[in-house]
Amino acid sequence: MVRVYRNEDVRRIIAFIPKGHRHVRILLEFVDGAVVIQEATAAAIVRAYMNVVTHPFKRAVELVSQRVSGQKEGYADYQLLETGRSEEEIFSQLESILEPNKS
């Protein structure tokens, strides 16, 4: 099941660094629950967003979780990296994912 949240469905967002940690977490509180994402996930969302919004033609980008080695110090073993799939492939898959949510 895919949930689509409108801006009015978001109660609040809190960015914070937990005691004893170095990296930011983000609490997303919705009308029906909440989720906390880690800094690497937030950074990946920002990268994907900027990749689409600032490009004159690009309409979609896909990132997937991949285990990496040899990354810079402080980086997680798993990173969300661009797949290189075409926009047509991404939109085709999105149609099947979002179809049940059409009203």
N, C-alpha and C. Protein backbone atom coordinates (compact mmCIF):
# COMPACT_ATOMS: atom_id res chain seq x y z
N MET A 1 0.84 -1.17 0.00
CA MET A 1 0.00 0.00 0.00
C MET A 1 0.90 1.25 0.00
N VAL A 2 0.56 2.18 -0.84
CA VAL A 2 1.26 3.46 -0.92
C VAL A 2 0.38 4.53 -0.31
N ARG A 3 0.96 5.33 0.55
CA ARG A 3 0.23 6.45 1.15
C ARG A 3 0.73 7.73 0.51
N VAL A 4 -0.19 8.57 0.10
CA VAL A 4 0.14 9.87 -0.45
C VAL A 4 -0.27 10.91 0.57
N TYR A 5 0.70 11.70 1.04
CA TYR A 5 0.43 12.71 2.05
C TYR A 5 0.42 14.09 1.42
N ARG A 6 -0.66 14.81 1.68
CA ARG A 6 -0.75 16.21 1.27
C ARG A 6 -0.07 17.07 2.34
N ASN A 7 0.23 18.28 2.02
CA ASN A 7 0.90 19.15 2.99
C ASN A 7 0.08 19.28 4.27
N GLU A 8 -1.25 19.32 4.15
CA GLU A 8 -2.07 19.44 5.35
C GLU A 8 -2.11 18.16 6.19
N ASP A 9 -1.59 17.07 5.65
CA ASP A 9 -1.51 15.81 6.40
C ASP A 9 -0.25 15.73 7.26
N VAL A 10 0.66 16.67 7.07
CA VAL A 10 1.90 16.70 7.85
C VAL A 10 1.68 17.60 9.05
N ARG A 11 1.80 17.00 10.24
CA ARG A 11 1.60 17.80 11.47
C ARG A 11 2.83 18.63 11.78
N ARG A 12 4.02 18.00 11.67
CA ARG A 12 5.26 18.73 11.92
C ARG A 12 6.46 17.92 11.46
N ILE A 13 7.55 18.63 11.34
CA ILE A 13 8.84 18.03 10.99
C ILE A 13 9.84 18.54 12.01
N ILE A 14 10.61 17.63 12.58
CA ILE A 14 11.65 18.01 13.54
C ILE A 14 12.97 17.41 13.06
N ALA A 15 13.97 18.27 12.87
CA ALA A 15 15.33 17.81 12.58
C ALA A 15 16.10 17.87 13.89
N PHE A 16 16.85 16.82 14.21
CA PHE A 16 17.54 16.77 15.50
C PHE A 16 18.74 15.83 15.42
N ILE A 17 19.67 16.04 16.34
CA ILE A 17 20.80 15.14 16.51
C ILE A 17 20.62 14.49 17.87
N PRO A 18 20.38 13.17 17.90
CA PRO A 18 20.18 12.50 19.20
C PRO A 18 21.44 12.59 20.07
N LYS A 19 21.24 12.62 21.37
CA LYS A 19 22.37 12.63 22.30
C LYS A 19 23.27 11.44 22.01
N GLY A 20 24.55 11.68 21.97
CA GLY A 20 25.52 10.61 21.74
C GLY A 20 25.73 10.28 20.28
N HIS A 21 25.08 10.99 19.37
CA HIS A 21 25.21 10.75 17.93
C HIS A 21 25.79 11.99 17.26
N ARG A 22 26.24 11.81 16.01
CA ARG A 22 26.80 12.93 15.25
C ARG A 22 25.93 13.32 14.07
N HIS A 23 25.00 12.46 13.70
CA HIS A 23 24.24 12.68 12.47
C HIS A 23 22.79 13.05 12.76
N VAL A 24 22.25 13.85 11.86
CA VAL A 24 20.89 14.35 11.98
C VAL A 24 19.88 13.23 11.73
N ARG A 25 18.78 13.29 12.43
CA ARG A 25 17.61 12.47 12.16
C ARG A 25 16.48 13.46 11.85
N ILE A 26 15.49 13.00 11.12
CA ILE A 26 14.34 13.84 10.83
C ILE A 26 13.07 13.08 11.18
N LEU A 27 12.29 13.67 12.07
CA LEU A 27 10.98 13.13 12.44
C LEU A 27 9.96 13.76 11.52
N LEU A 28 9.20 12.92 10.83
CA LEU A 28 8.08 13.37 10.00
C LEU A 28 6.82 12.87 10.69
N GLU A 29 6.04 13.80 11.23
CA GLU A 29 4.83 13.42 11.95
C GLU A 29 3.62 13.74 11.07
N PHE A 30 2.84 12.69 10.80
CA PHE A 30 1.65 12.81 9.95
C PHE A 30 0.40 12.69 10.81
N VAL A 31 -0.75 12.92 10.21
CA VAL A 31 -2.01 12.81 10.93
C VAL A 31 -2.26 11.39 11.42
N ASP A 32 -1.67 10.39 10.74
CA ASP A 32 -1.92 8.99 11.09
C ASP A 32 -0.70 8.24 11.59
N GLY A 33 0.37 8.95 11.94
CA GLY A 33 1.56 8.27 12.44
C GLY A 33 2.80 9.10 12.21
N ALA A 34 3.94 8.49 12.46
CA ALA A 34 5.20 9.21 12.31
C ALA A 34 6.28 8.28 11.82
N VAL A 35 7.33 8.87 11.27
CA VAL A 35 8.49 8.11 10.82
C VAL A 35 9.73 8.96 11.10
N VAL A 36 10.84 8.31 11.42
CA VAL A 36 12.12 8.99 11.60
C VAL A 36 13.05 8.46 10.52
N ILE A 37 13.67 9.38 9.77
CA ILE A 37 14.65 8.97 8.77
C ILE A 37 16.02 9.47 9.19
N GLN A 38 17.03 8.74 8.77
CA GLN A 38 18.40 9.11 9.09
C GLN A 38 18.93 10.14 8.10
N GLU A 39 20.02 10.77 8.47
CA GLU A 39 20.62 11.83 7.67
C GLU A 39 20.92 11.39 6.25
N ALA A 40 21.46 10.19 6.08
CA ALA A 40 21.81 9.72 4.74
C ALA A 40 20.57 9.62 3.84
N THR A 41 19.45 9.22 4.41
CA THR A 41 18.20 9.14 3.65
C THR A 41 17.71 10.53 3.28
N ALA A 42 17.76 11.46 4.23
CA ALA A 42 17.35 12.84 3.95
C ALA A 42 18.24 13.43 2.86
N ALA A 43 19.54 13.19 2.93
CA ALA A 43 20.47 13.71 1.93
C ALA A 43 20.16 13.12 0.55
N ALA A 44 19.81 11.85 0.51
CA ALA A 44 19.47 11.22 -0.77
C ALA A 44 18.19 11.82 -1.35
N ILE A 45 17.21 12.10 -0.50
CA ILE A 45 15.97 12.74 -0.97
C ILE A 45 16.29 14.11 -1.54
N VAL A 46 17.12 14.87 -0.86
CA VAL A 46 17.50 16.21 -1.35
C VAL A 46 18.25 16.09 -2.67
N ARG A 47 19.18 15.14 -2.78
CA ARG A 47 19.92 14.94 -4.04
C ARG A 47 18.98 14.62 -5.19
N ALA A 48 18.05 13.71 -4.96
CA ALA A 48 17.10 13.32 -6.00
C ALA A 48 16.21 14.50 -6.38
N TYR A 49 15.73 15.20 -5.39
CA TYR A 49 14.87 16.37 -5.64
C TYR A 49 15.61 17.41 -6.47
N MET A 50 16.82 17.76 -6.06
CA MET A 50 17.59 18.78 -6.77
C MET A 50 17.95 18.31 -8.18
N ASN A 51 18.20 17.03 -8.34
CA ASN A 51 18.54 16.47 -9.64
C ASN A 51 17.39 16.66 -10.63
N VAL A 52 16.17 16.56 -10.16
CA VAL A 52 15.00 16.71 -11.03
C VAL A 52 14.60 18.18 -11.16
N VAL A 53 14.50 18.89 -10.05
CA VAL A 53 13.96 20.26 -10.09
C VAL A 53 14.89 21.25 -10.79
N THR A 54 16.18 21.03 -10.76
CA THR A 54 17.10 21.99 -11.36
C THR A 54 17.50 21.62 -12.79
N HIS A 55 17.08 20.47 -13.26
CA HIS A 55 17.43 20.04 -14.62
C HIS A 55 16.38 20.54 -15.60
N PRO A 56 16.78 21.05 -16.75
CA PRO A 56 15.79 21.62 -17.68
C PRO A 56 14.86 20.60 -18.33
N PHE A 57 15.24 19.32 -18.36
CA PHE A 57 14.41 18.31 -19.03
C PHE A 57 14.06 17.12 -18.15
N LYS A 58 14.90 16.80 -17.18
CA LYS A 58 14.72 15.58 -16.38
C LYS A 58 13.44 15.65 -15.57
N ARG A 59 12.68 14.54 -15.59
CA ARG A 59 11.41 14.49 -14.86
C ARG A 59 11.37 13.41 -13.79
N ALA A 60 12.40 12.55 -13.75
CA ALA A 60 12.42 11.47 -12.76
C ALA A 60 13.84 10.95 -12.57
N VAL A 61 14.11 10.52 -11.38
CA VAL A 61 15.37 9.85 -11.05
C VAL A 61 15.05 8.79 -10.00
N GLU A 62 15.76 7.69 -10.05
CA GLU A 62 15.53 6.60 -9.10
C GLU A 62 16.82 6.32 -8.34
N LEU A 63 16.71 6.23 -7.02
CA LEU A 63 17.83 5.84 -6.17
C LEU A 63 17.48 4.52 -5.50
N VAL A 64 18.45 3.62 -5.41
CA VAL A 64 18.22 2.35 -4.71
C VAL A 64 19.34 2.12 -3.70
N SER A 65 19.02 1.36 -2.69
CA SER A 65 19.98 1.04 -1.65
C SER A 65 21.00 0.04 -2.16
N GLN A 66 22.27 0.38 -1.99
CA GLN A 66 23.36 -0.50 -2.41
C GLN A 66 24.44 -0.50 -1.33
N ARG A 67 24.98 -1.67 -1.06
CA ARG A 67 26.10 -1.76 -0.14
C ARG A 67 27.35 -1.33 -0.90
N VAL A 68 28.11 -0.42 -0.32
CA VAL A 68 29.32 0.08 -0.97
C VAL A 68 30.52 -0.17 -0.07
N SER A 69 31.68 -0.23 -0.70
CA SER A 69 32.92 -0.35 0.07
C SER A 69 33.87 0.73 -0.39
N GLY A 70 34.77 1.11 0.47
CA GLY A 70 35.73 2.14 0.13
C GLY A 70 35.17 3.55 0.19
N GLN A 71 34.01 3.71 0.85
CA GLN A 71 33.40 5.03 0.95
C GLN A 71 34.21 5.92 1.90
N LYS A 72 33.92 7.21 1.84
CA LYS A 72 34.59 8.18 2.70
C LYS A 72 34.27 7.87 4.17
N GLU A 73 35.17 8.30 5.04
CA GLU A 73 34.97 8.10 6.47
C GLU A 73 33.68 8.77 6.92
N GLY A 74 32.93 8.08 7.76
CA GLY A 74 31.69 8.62 8.28
C GLY A 74 30.47 8.28 7.44
N TYR A 75 30.68 7.66 6.27
CA TYR A 75 29.56 7.29 5.40
C TYR A 75 29.08 5.89 5.75
N ALA A 76 27.79 5.66 5.64
CA ALA A 76 27.20 4.36 5.95
C ALA A 76 27.61 3.32 4.90
N ASP A 77 27.56 2.06 5.29
CA ASP A 77 27.87 0.96 4.36
C ASP A 77 26.86 0.89 3.23
N TYR A 78 25.62 1.26 3.52
CA TYR A 78 24.58 1.24 2.50
C TYR A 78 24.28 2.68 2.08
N GLN A 79 24.25 2.90 0.78
CA GLN A 79 23.98 4.22 0.23
C GLN A 79 22.84 4.13 -0.77
N LEU A 80 22.10 5.21 -0.91
CA LEU A 80 21.04 5.31 -1.92
C LEU A 80 21.67 5.95 -3.15
N LEU A 81 21.85 5.14 -4.20
CA LEU A 81 22.58 5.57 -5.40
C LEU A 81 21.68 5.53 -6.63
N GLU A 82 21.96 6.42 -7.57
CA GLU A 82 21.17 6.51 -8.79
C GLU A 82 21.33 5.23 -9.62
N THR A 83 20.20 4.77 -10.17
CA THR A 83 20.21 3.52 -10.94
C THR A 83 20.57 3.71 -12.39
N GLY A 84 20.26 4.85 -12.94
CA GLY A 84 20.49 5.05 -14.37
C GLY A 84 19.34 4.55 -15.24
N ARG A 85 18.26 4.07 -14.60
CA ARG A 85 17.08 3.64 -15.38
C ARG A 85 16.51 4.84 -16.11
N SER A 86 15.93 4.58 -17.26
CA SER A 86 15.34 5.65 -18.04
C SER A 86 14.08 6.18 -17.35
N GLU A 87 13.73 7.41 -17.70
CA GLU A 87 12.51 8.00 -17.15
C GLU A 87 11.29 7.18 -17.56
N GLU A 88 11.29 6.67 -18.77
CA GLU A 88 10.16 5.85 -19.23
C GLU A 88 9.98 4.62 -18.34
N GLU A 89 11.09 3.96 -17.99
CA GLU A 89 11.02 2.79 -17.11
C GLU A 89 10.50 3.19 -15.72
N ILE A 90 11.01 4.30 -15.22
CA ILE A 90 10.60 4.76 -13.89
C ILE A 90 9.10 5.08 -13.88
N PHE A 91 8.63 5.84 -14.88
CA PHE A 91 7.21 6.21 -14.94
C PHE A 91 6.31 5.00 -15.15
N SER A 92 6.78 4.04 -15.91
CA SER A 92 6.00 2.82 -16.12
C SER A 92 5.80 2.09 -14.79
N GLN A 93 6.86 1.97 -14.02
CA GLN A 93 6.75 1.32 -12.73
C GLN A 93 5.90 2.14 -11.77
N LEU A 94 6.05 3.46 -11.81
CA LEU A 94 5.24 4.31 -10.95
C LEU A 94 3.75 4.13 -11.21
N GLU A 95 3.37 3.99 -12.47
CA GLU A 95 1.96 3.78 -12.81
C GLU A 95 1.40 2.56 -12.11
N SER A 96 2.16 1.47 -12.12
CA SER A 96 1.67 0.24 -11.47
C SER A 96 1.66 0.38 -9.94
N ILE A 97 2.58 1.16 -9.40
CA ILE A 97 2.62 1.35 -7.94
C ILE A 97 1.49 2.26 -7.49
N LEU A 98 1.25 3.35 -8.24
CA LEU A 98 0.26 4.34 -7.81
C LEU A 98 -1.15 4.07 -8.29
N GLU A 99 -1.33 3.18 -9.26
CA GLU A 99 -2.65 2.87 -9.82
C GLU A 99 -3.70 2.55 -8.76
N PRO A 100 -3.41 1.70 -7.76
CA PRO A 100 -4.44 1.38 -6.77
C PRO A 100 -4.89 2.59 -5.96
N ASN A 101 -4.10 3.68 -5.94
CA ASN A 101 -4.45 4.86 -5.16
C ASN A 101 -5.31 5.86 -5.92
N LYS A 102 -5.54 5.63 -7.20
CA LYS A 102 -6.36 6.57 -7.96
C LYS A 102 -7.80 6.53 -7.46
N SER A 103 -8.37 7.70 -7.33
CA SER A 103 -9.76 7.77 -6.84
C SER A 103 -10.69 8.18 -7.95
